[in-house]
Amino acid sequence: MKFAEIDASQFPVVVIRINPKEASKADVEEHMHESYEFVQSQTQMFVSVYDLTNLKYLSSEARIQLGEWTKQNKALFQKHIAGVAYYSPSVVTSMLLKGIFLISPPPTVYIIAGSIEEALTWARERVKNKARS
């Protein structure tokens, strides 16, 4: 099982579902590679929804690795991603995200949603607003 699945069936809303497994360094690298390839291949802006419902422990090494990768690809993400919604039913995970983003914000507009429905609604609205501008 992969660490994460990219579901583009609702494009331009793209849902990234984290699977219930502890991610190894190789899992994180595979996710970064697949995400990079997906983003780079898009000709239309889209909004990502990260469903972190099944997120297991993510080592500090993996978090740093993801943070560095995000910084390195900031221009690519800003070119293709109109926003990112994060959802986790875990208060602890939501608080961790808020703390991380306070120090190092994502390269795009984002929301930490209280429900998956809120995340998807925000993403759809973001798509509509970007289409008008």
N, C-alpha and C. Protein backbone atom coordinates (compact mmCIF):
# COMPACT_ATOMS: atom_id res chain seq x y z
N MET A 1 0.84 -1.17 0.00
CA MET A 1 0.00 0.00 0.00
C MET A 1 0.89 1.24 0.00
N LYS A 2 0.51 2.20 -0.83
CA LYS A 2 1.23 3.45 -0.91
C LYS A 2 0.93 4.31 0.32
N PHE A 3 1.82 5.26 0.58
CA PHE A 3 1.61 6.23 1.65
C PHE A 3 0.41 7.12 1.33
N ALA A 4 0.27 7.52 0.05
CA ALA A 4 -0.80 8.42 -0.34
C ALA A 4 -1.29 8.10 -1.74
N GLU A 5 -2.56 8.39 -1.98
CA GLU A 5 -3.18 8.20 -3.29
C GLU A 5 -3.65 9.56 -3.80
N ILE A 6 -3.39 9.84 -5.06
CA ILE A 6 -3.85 11.07 -5.69
C ILE A 6 -5.10 10.74 -6.49
N ASP A 7 -6.21 11.37 -6.12
CA ASP A 7 -7.50 11.14 -6.78
C ASP A 7 -7.91 12.40 -7.53
N ALA A 8 -7.80 12.35 -8.85
CA ALA A 8 -8.14 13.50 -9.69
C ALA A 8 -9.52 13.34 -10.34
N SER A 9 -10.35 12.45 -9.81
CA SER A 9 -11.67 12.20 -10.41
C SER A 9 -12.62 13.39 -10.31
N GLN A 10 -12.32 14.35 -9.42
CA GLN A 10 -13.15 15.55 -9.27
C GLN A 10 -12.42 16.79 -9.80
N PHE A 11 -11.43 16.59 -10.67
CA PHE A 11 -10.60 17.68 -11.17
C PHE A 11 -11.49 18.83 -11.64
N PRO A 12 -11.16 20.05 -11.27
CA PRO A 12 -9.92 20.60 -10.75
C PRO A 12 -9.77 20.56 -9.24
N VAL A 13 -10.61 19.79 -8.55
CA VAL A 13 -10.38 19.50 -7.14
C VAL A 13 -9.68 18.14 -7.09
N VAL A 14 -8.51 18.10 -6.50
CA VAL A 14 -7.70 16.89 -6.43
C VAL A 14 -7.58 16.49 -4.97
N VAL A 15 -8.00 15.27 -4.66
CA VAL A 15 -7.97 14.79 -3.28
C VAL A 15 -6.76 13.87 -3.10
N ILE A 16 -5.95 14.17 -2.11
CA ILE A 16 -4.81 13.32 -1.76
C ILE A 16 -5.18 12.64 -0.45
N ARG A 17 -5.35 11.34 -0.52
CA ARG A 17 -5.73 10.57 0.66
C ARG A 17 -4.50 9.87 1.22
N ILE A 18 -4.25 10.12 2.49
CA ILE A 18 -3.14 9.45 3.16
C ILE A 18 -3.66 8.10 3.64
N ASN A 19 -2.92 7.05 3.34
CA ASN A 19 -3.32 5.70 3.73
C ASN A 19 -2.86 5.38 5.15
N PRO A 20 -3.52 4.40 5.78
CA PRO A 20 -3.19 4.06 7.17
C PRO A 20 -1.93 3.21 7.29
N LYS A 21 -0.80 3.84 7.14
CA LYS A 21 0.48 3.15 7.33
C LYS A 21 1.52 4.15 7.78
N GLU A 22 2.48 3.67 8.52
CA GLU A 22 3.60 4.53 8.89
C GLU A 22 4.49 4.67 7.67
N ALA A 23 4.82 5.88 7.34
CA ALA A 23 5.56 6.15 6.11
C ALA A 23 7.07 6.00 6.33
N SER A 24 7.67 5.21 5.48
CA SER A 24 9.14 5.11 5.48
C SER A 24 9.70 6.25 4.64
N LYS A 25 11.00 6.41 4.68
CA LYS A 25 11.65 7.43 3.86
C LYS A 25 11.34 7.17 2.38
N ALA A 26 11.36 5.91 1.98
CA ALA A 26 11.07 5.55 0.58
C ALA A 26 9.62 5.89 0.23
N ASP A 27 8.69 5.69 1.17
CA ASP A 27 7.28 6.04 0.93
C ASP A 27 7.13 7.54 0.69
N VAL A 28 7.79 8.33 1.50
CA VAL A 28 7.71 9.79 1.38
C VAL A 28 8.33 10.22 0.05
N GLU A 29 9.46 9.64 -0.31
CA GLU A 29 10.10 9.98 -1.57
C GLU A 29 9.22 9.61 -2.75
N GLU A 30 8.56 8.46 -2.68
CA GLU A 30 7.65 8.04 -3.75
C GLU A 30 6.49 9.04 -3.87
N HIS A 31 5.93 9.45 -2.74
CA HIS A 31 4.83 10.42 -2.76
C HIS A 31 5.30 11.75 -3.36
N MET A 32 6.47 12.21 -2.98
CA MET A 32 6.98 13.47 -3.51
C MET A 32 7.17 13.36 -5.03
N HIS A 33 7.72 12.26 -5.49
CA HIS A 33 7.94 12.06 -6.92
C HIS A 33 6.61 12.04 -7.67
N GLU A 34 5.65 11.26 -7.18
CA GLU A 34 4.34 11.17 -7.85
C GLU A 34 3.63 12.53 -7.84
N SER A 35 3.71 13.23 -6.73
CA SER A 35 3.07 14.55 -6.64
C SER A 35 3.71 15.53 -7.61
N TYR A 36 5.03 15.53 -7.66
CA TYR A 36 5.75 16.42 -8.57
C TYR A 36 5.33 16.15 -10.01
N GLU A 37 5.34 14.88 -10.40
CA GLU A 37 4.97 14.50 -11.76
C GLU A 37 3.53 14.92 -12.07
N PHE A 38 2.63 14.72 -11.12
CA PHE A 38 1.23 15.10 -11.32
C PHE A 38 1.11 16.61 -11.51
N VAL A 39 1.68 17.37 -10.60
CA VAL A 39 1.58 18.83 -10.66
C VAL A 39 2.19 19.34 -11.96
N GLN A 40 3.35 18.86 -12.30
CA GLN A 40 4.05 19.33 -13.49
C GLN A 40 3.27 19.03 -14.77
N SER A 41 2.49 17.97 -14.78
CA SER A 41 1.77 17.57 -15.99
C SER A 41 0.47 18.35 -16.21
N GLN A 42 0.06 19.16 -15.24
CA GLN A 42 -1.22 19.85 -15.36
C GLN A 42 -1.10 21.11 -16.21
N THR A 43 -2.13 21.33 -17.03
CA THR A 43 -2.19 22.53 -17.86
C THR A 43 -3.20 23.53 -17.30
N GLN A 44 -3.96 23.09 -16.32
CA GLN A 44 -4.97 23.93 -15.68
C GLN A 44 -4.71 23.96 -14.18
N MET A 45 -4.93 25.14 -13.56
CA MET A 45 -4.76 25.22 -12.11
C MET A 45 -5.78 24.34 -11.41
N PHE A 46 -5.41 23.86 -10.25
CA PHE A 46 -6.31 23.02 -9.47
C PHE A 46 -6.14 23.32 -7.99
N VAL A 47 -7.04 22.76 -7.19
CA VAL A 47 -7.00 22.92 -5.73
C VAL A 47 -6.83 21.53 -5.13
N SER A 48 -5.93 21.40 -4.19
CA SER A 48 -5.69 20.11 -3.52
C SER A 48 -6.43 20.05 -2.20
N VAL A 49 -6.93 18.87 -1.89
CA VAL A 49 -7.53 18.58 -0.59
C VAL A 49 -6.75 17.40 -0.01
N TYR A 50 -6.07 17.64 1.09
CA TYR A 50 -5.34 16.57 1.78
C TYR A 50 -6.24 15.98 2.84
N ASP A 51 -6.65 14.73 2.64
CA ASP A 51 -7.45 14.02 3.63
C ASP A 51 -6.48 13.24 4.52
N LEU A 52 -6.26 13.77 5.71
CA LEU A 52 -5.30 13.20 6.64
C LEU A 52 -5.95 12.28 7.67
N THR A 53 -7.17 11.82 7.38
CA THR A 53 -7.93 10.99 8.30
C THR A 53 -7.11 9.80 8.79
N ASN A 54 -6.39 9.16 7.88
CA ASN A 54 -5.66 7.93 8.23
C ASN A 54 -4.18 8.15 8.51
N LEU A 55 -3.78 9.42 8.66
CA LEU A 55 -2.36 9.70 8.88
C LEU A 55 -1.86 9.03 10.14
N LYS A 56 -0.80 8.28 9.98
CA LYS A 56 -0.11 7.68 11.11
C LYS A 56 1.09 8.55 11.44
N TYR A 57 1.88 8.12 12.36
CA TYR A 57 3.06 8.87 12.77
C TYR A 57 3.94 9.20 11.56
N LEU A 58 4.37 10.43 11.48
CA LEU A 58 5.28 10.87 10.44
C LEU A 58 6.53 11.39 11.15
N SER A 59 7.64 10.73 10.92
CA SER A 59 8.87 11.07 11.64
C SER A 59 9.29 12.51 11.36
N SER A 60 10.09 13.05 12.26
CA SER A 60 10.59 14.41 12.05
C SER A 60 11.43 14.47 10.78
N GLU A 61 12.16 13.40 10.48
CA GLU A 61 12.95 13.34 9.25
C GLU A 61 12.03 13.47 8.02
N ALA A 62 10.90 12.77 8.04
CA ALA A 62 9.95 12.83 6.92
C ALA A 62 9.32 14.21 6.82
N ARG A 63 8.98 14.82 7.96
CA ARG A 63 8.39 16.16 7.95
C ARG A 63 9.38 17.19 7.39
N ILE A 64 10.64 17.07 7.79
CA ILE A 64 11.68 17.97 7.28
C ILE A 64 11.87 17.75 5.78
N GLN A 65 11.89 16.49 5.37
CA GLN A 65 12.04 16.13 3.96
C GLN A 65 10.90 16.76 3.13
N LEU A 66 9.67 16.65 3.60
CA LEU A 66 8.53 17.23 2.90
C LEU A 66 8.60 18.76 2.89
N GLY A 67 9.03 19.35 3.98
CA GLY A 67 9.16 20.80 4.05
C GLY A 67 10.20 21.33 3.08
N GLU A 68 11.35 20.67 3.02
CA GLU A 68 12.41 21.08 2.09
C GLU A 68 11.95 20.93 0.64
N TRP A 69 11.29 19.83 0.35
CA TRP A 69 10.77 19.57 -1.00
C TRP A 69 9.76 20.63 -1.40
N THR A 70 8.89 21.02 -0.46
CA THR A 70 7.90 22.06 -0.74
C THR A 70 8.60 23.38 -1.05
N LYS A 71 9.61 23.73 -0.26
CA LYS A 71 10.36 24.97 -0.51
C LYS A 71 11.03 24.93 -1.88
N GLN A 72 11.63 23.81 -2.22
CA GLN A 72 12.34 23.67 -3.50
C GLN A 72 11.39 23.80 -4.69
N ASN A 73 10.15 23.42 -4.51
CA ASN A 73 9.19 23.41 -5.61
C ASN A 73 8.14 24.51 -5.49
N LYS A 74 8.42 25.52 -4.70
CA LYS A 74 7.47 26.60 -4.43
C LYS A 74 6.93 27.23 -5.72
N ALA A 75 7.80 27.57 -6.66
CA ALA A 75 7.36 28.22 -7.90
C ALA A 75 6.43 27.31 -8.71
N LEU A 76 6.76 26.04 -8.79
CA LEU A 76 5.91 25.08 -9.51
C LEU A 76 4.53 25.00 -8.86
N PHE A 77 4.50 24.92 -7.53
CA PHE A 77 3.23 24.81 -6.83
C PHE A 77 2.40 26.08 -7.00
N GLN A 78 3.04 27.23 -6.93
CA GLN A 78 2.31 28.48 -7.09
C GLN A 78 1.76 28.63 -8.51
N LYS A 79 2.43 28.06 -9.47
CA LYS A 79 1.99 28.13 -10.87
C LYS A 79 0.76 27.26 -11.12
N HIS A 80 0.67 26.11 -10.44
CA HIS A 80 -0.36 25.13 -10.76
C HIS A 80 -1.44 24.93 -9.70
N ILE A 81 -1.15 25.28 -8.45
CA ILE A 81 -2.09 24.97 -7.36
C ILE A 81 -2.71 26.26 -6.84
N ALA A 82 -4.03 26.36 -6.95
CA ALA A 82 -4.76 27.57 -6.55
C ALA A 82 -5.05 27.62 -5.05
N GLY A 83 -4.80 26.53 -4.35
CA GLY A 83 -5.01 26.47 -2.92
C GLY A 83 -4.97 25.04 -2.42
N VAL A 84 -4.82 24.91 -1.10
CA VAL A 84 -4.77 23.58 -0.49
C VAL A 84 -5.63 23.59 0.77
N ALA A 85 -6.50 22.58 0.87
CA ALA A 85 -7.29 22.37 2.08
C ALA A 85 -6.75 21.13 2.77
N TYR A 86 -6.54 21.24 4.07
CA TYR A 86 -6.07 20.11 4.87
C TYR A 86 -7.19 19.73 5.82
N TYR A 87 -7.46 18.43 5.92
CA TYR A 87 -8.46 17.96 6.88
C TYR A 87 -7.91 16.79 7.67
N SER A 88 -8.07 16.87 8.97
CA SER A 88 -7.76 15.75 9.86
C SER A 88 -8.77 15.76 11.00
N PRO A 89 -9.34 14.60 11.32
CA PRO A 89 -10.24 14.55 12.47
C PRO A 89 -9.49 14.67 13.80
N SER A 90 -8.18 14.57 13.75
CA SER A 90 -7.36 14.64 14.95
C SER A 90 -7.06 16.09 15.31
N VAL A 91 -7.46 16.47 16.51
CA VAL A 91 -7.16 17.82 17.00
C VAL A 91 -5.65 18.01 17.09
N VAL A 92 -4.94 16.98 17.49
CA VAL A 92 -3.48 17.06 17.62
C VAL A 92 -2.85 17.34 16.26
N THR A 93 -3.26 16.60 15.23
CA THR A 93 -2.71 16.82 13.89
C THR A 93 -3.03 18.22 13.39
N SER A 94 -4.27 18.68 13.60
CA SER A 94 -4.66 20.03 13.18
C SER A 94 -3.81 21.08 13.89
N MET A 95 -3.57 20.90 15.18
CA MET A 95 -2.75 21.85 15.93
C MET A 95 -1.30 21.83 15.45
N LEU A 96 -0.78 20.64 15.15
CA LEU A 96 0.58 20.54 14.62
C LEU A 96 0.70 21.27 13.30
N LEU A 97 -0.29 21.09 12.42
CA LEU A 97 -0.27 21.79 11.13
C LEU A 97 -0.28 23.30 11.34
N LYS A 98 -1.13 23.77 12.22
CA LYS A 98 -1.21 25.21 12.49
C LYS A 98 0.14 25.74 12.97
N GLY A 99 0.79 25.00 13.84
CA GLY A 99 2.10 25.41 14.34
C GLY A 99 3.16 25.41 13.25
N ILE A 100 3.18 24.37 12.45
CA ILE A 100 4.15 24.27 11.36
C ILE A 100 3.94 25.41 10.37
N PHE A 101 2.66 25.67 10.01
CA PHE A 101 2.37 26.69 9.01
C PHE A 101 2.58 28.10 9.55
N LEU A 102 2.53 28.26 10.85
CA LEU A 102 2.84 29.56 11.44
C LEU A 102 4.31 29.91 11.20
N ILE A 103 5.15 28.89 11.31
CA ILE A 103 6.59 29.07 11.12
C ILE A 103 6.97 29.05 9.64
N SER A 104 6.37 28.12 8.90
CA SER A 104 6.71 27.95 7.49
C SER A 104 5.43 27.72 6.69
N PRO A 105 4.77 28.80 6.26
CA PRO A 105 3.50 28.65 5.55
C PRO A 105 3.65 27.95 4.20
N PRO A 106 2.61 27.24 3.77
CA PRO A 106 2.63 26.62 2.44
C PRO A 106 2.76 27.70 1.36
N PRO A 107 3.17 27.31 0.16
CA PRO A 107 3.39 28.29 -0.91
C PRO A 107 2.10 28.82 -1.55
N THR A 108 0.96 28.30 -1.14
CA THR A 108 -0.32 28.73 -1.70
C THR A 108 -1.29 29.06 -0.57
N VAL A 109 -2.42 29.63 -0.93
CA VAL A 109 -3.49 29.87 0.03
C VAL A 109 -3.92 28.51 0.59
N TYR A 110 -4.26 28.46 1.88
CA TYR A 110 -4.64 27.18 2.46
C TYR A 110 -5.68 27.38 3.56
N ILE A 111 -6.29 26.26 3.92
CA ILE A 111 -7.23 26.21 5.05
C ILE A 111 -6.99 24.89 5.77
N ILE A 112 -7.16 24.92 7.08
CA ILE A 112 -7.19 23.68 7.86
C ILE A 112 -8.65 23.51 8.25
N ALA A 113 -9.31 22.58 7.61
CA ALA A 113 -10.76 22.43 7.72
C ALA A 113 -11.16 21.53 8.89
N GLY A 114 -12.36 21.78 9.39
CA GLY A 114 -12.89 21.00 10.50
C GLY A 114 -13.59 19.72 10.07
N SER A 115 -13.86 19.60 8.76
CA SER A 115 -14.48 18.38 8.23
C SER A 115 -14.06 18.22 6.77
N ILE A 116 -14.19 17.02 6.26
CA ILE A 116 -13.85 16.79 4.85
C ILE A 116 -14.82 17.56 3.96
N GLU A 117 -16.07 17.69 4.39
CA GLU A 117 -17.06 18.45 3.62
C GLU A 117 -16.65 19.92 3.53
N GLU A 118 -16.19 20.48 4.65
CA GLU A 118 -15.73 21.87 4.64
C GLU A 118 -14.53 22.03 3.71
N ALA A 119 -13.62 21.07 3.73
CA ALA A 119 -12.44 21.13 2.87
C ALA A 119 -12.84 21.09 1.39
N LEU A 120 -13.76 20.20 1.05
CA LEU A 120 -14.20 20.08 -0.35
C LEU A 120 -14.98 21.30 -0.80
N THR A 121 -15.83 21.83 0.08
CA THR A 121 -16.59 23.04 -0.25
C THR A 121 -15.64 24.21 -0.49
N TRP A 122 -14.67 24.37 0.39
CA TRP A 122 -13.68 25.44 0.23
C TRP A 122 -12.94 25.28 -1.09
N ALA A 123 -12.55 24.05 -1.42
CA ALA A 123 -11.80 23.79 -2.65
C ALA A 123 -12.65 24.15 -3.88
N ARG A 124 -13.91 23.76 -3.87
CA ARG A 124 -14.79 24.08 -5.01
C ARG A 124 -14.97 25.59 -5.16
N GLU A 125 -15.14 26.29 -4.04
CA GLU A 125 -15.27 27.74 -4.08
C GLU A 125 -13.99 28.40 -4.59
N ARG A 126 -12.88 27.87 -4.17
CA ARG A 126 -11.57 28.40 -4.60
C ARG A 126 -11.42 28.25 -6.12
N VAL A 127 -11.85 27.10 -6.65
CA VAL A 127 -11.81 26.86 -8.09
C VAL A 127 -12.70 27.89 -8.81
N LYS A 128 -13.92 28.08 -8.30
CA LYS A 128 -14.83 29.06 -8.92
C LYS A 128 -14.23 30.45 -8.91
N ASN A 129 -13.67 30.86 -7.78
CA ASN A 129 -13.08 32.20 -7.66
C ASN A 129 -11.90 32.39 -8.59
N LYS A 130 -11.07 31.35 -8.75
CA LYS A 130 -9.92 31.44 -9.66
C LYS A 130 -10.39 31.51 -11.11
N ALA A 131 -11.50 30.83 -11.43
CA ALA A 131 -12.03 30.85 -12.79
C ALA A 131 -12.52 32.23 -13.17
N ARG A 132 -13.03 32.98 -12.18
CA ARG A 132 -13.53 34.34 -12.42
C ARG A 132 -12.42 35.37 -12.55
N SER A 133 -11.27 35.09 -11.97
CA SER A 133 -10.20 36.10 -11.98
C SER A 133 -9.31 35.97 -13.18
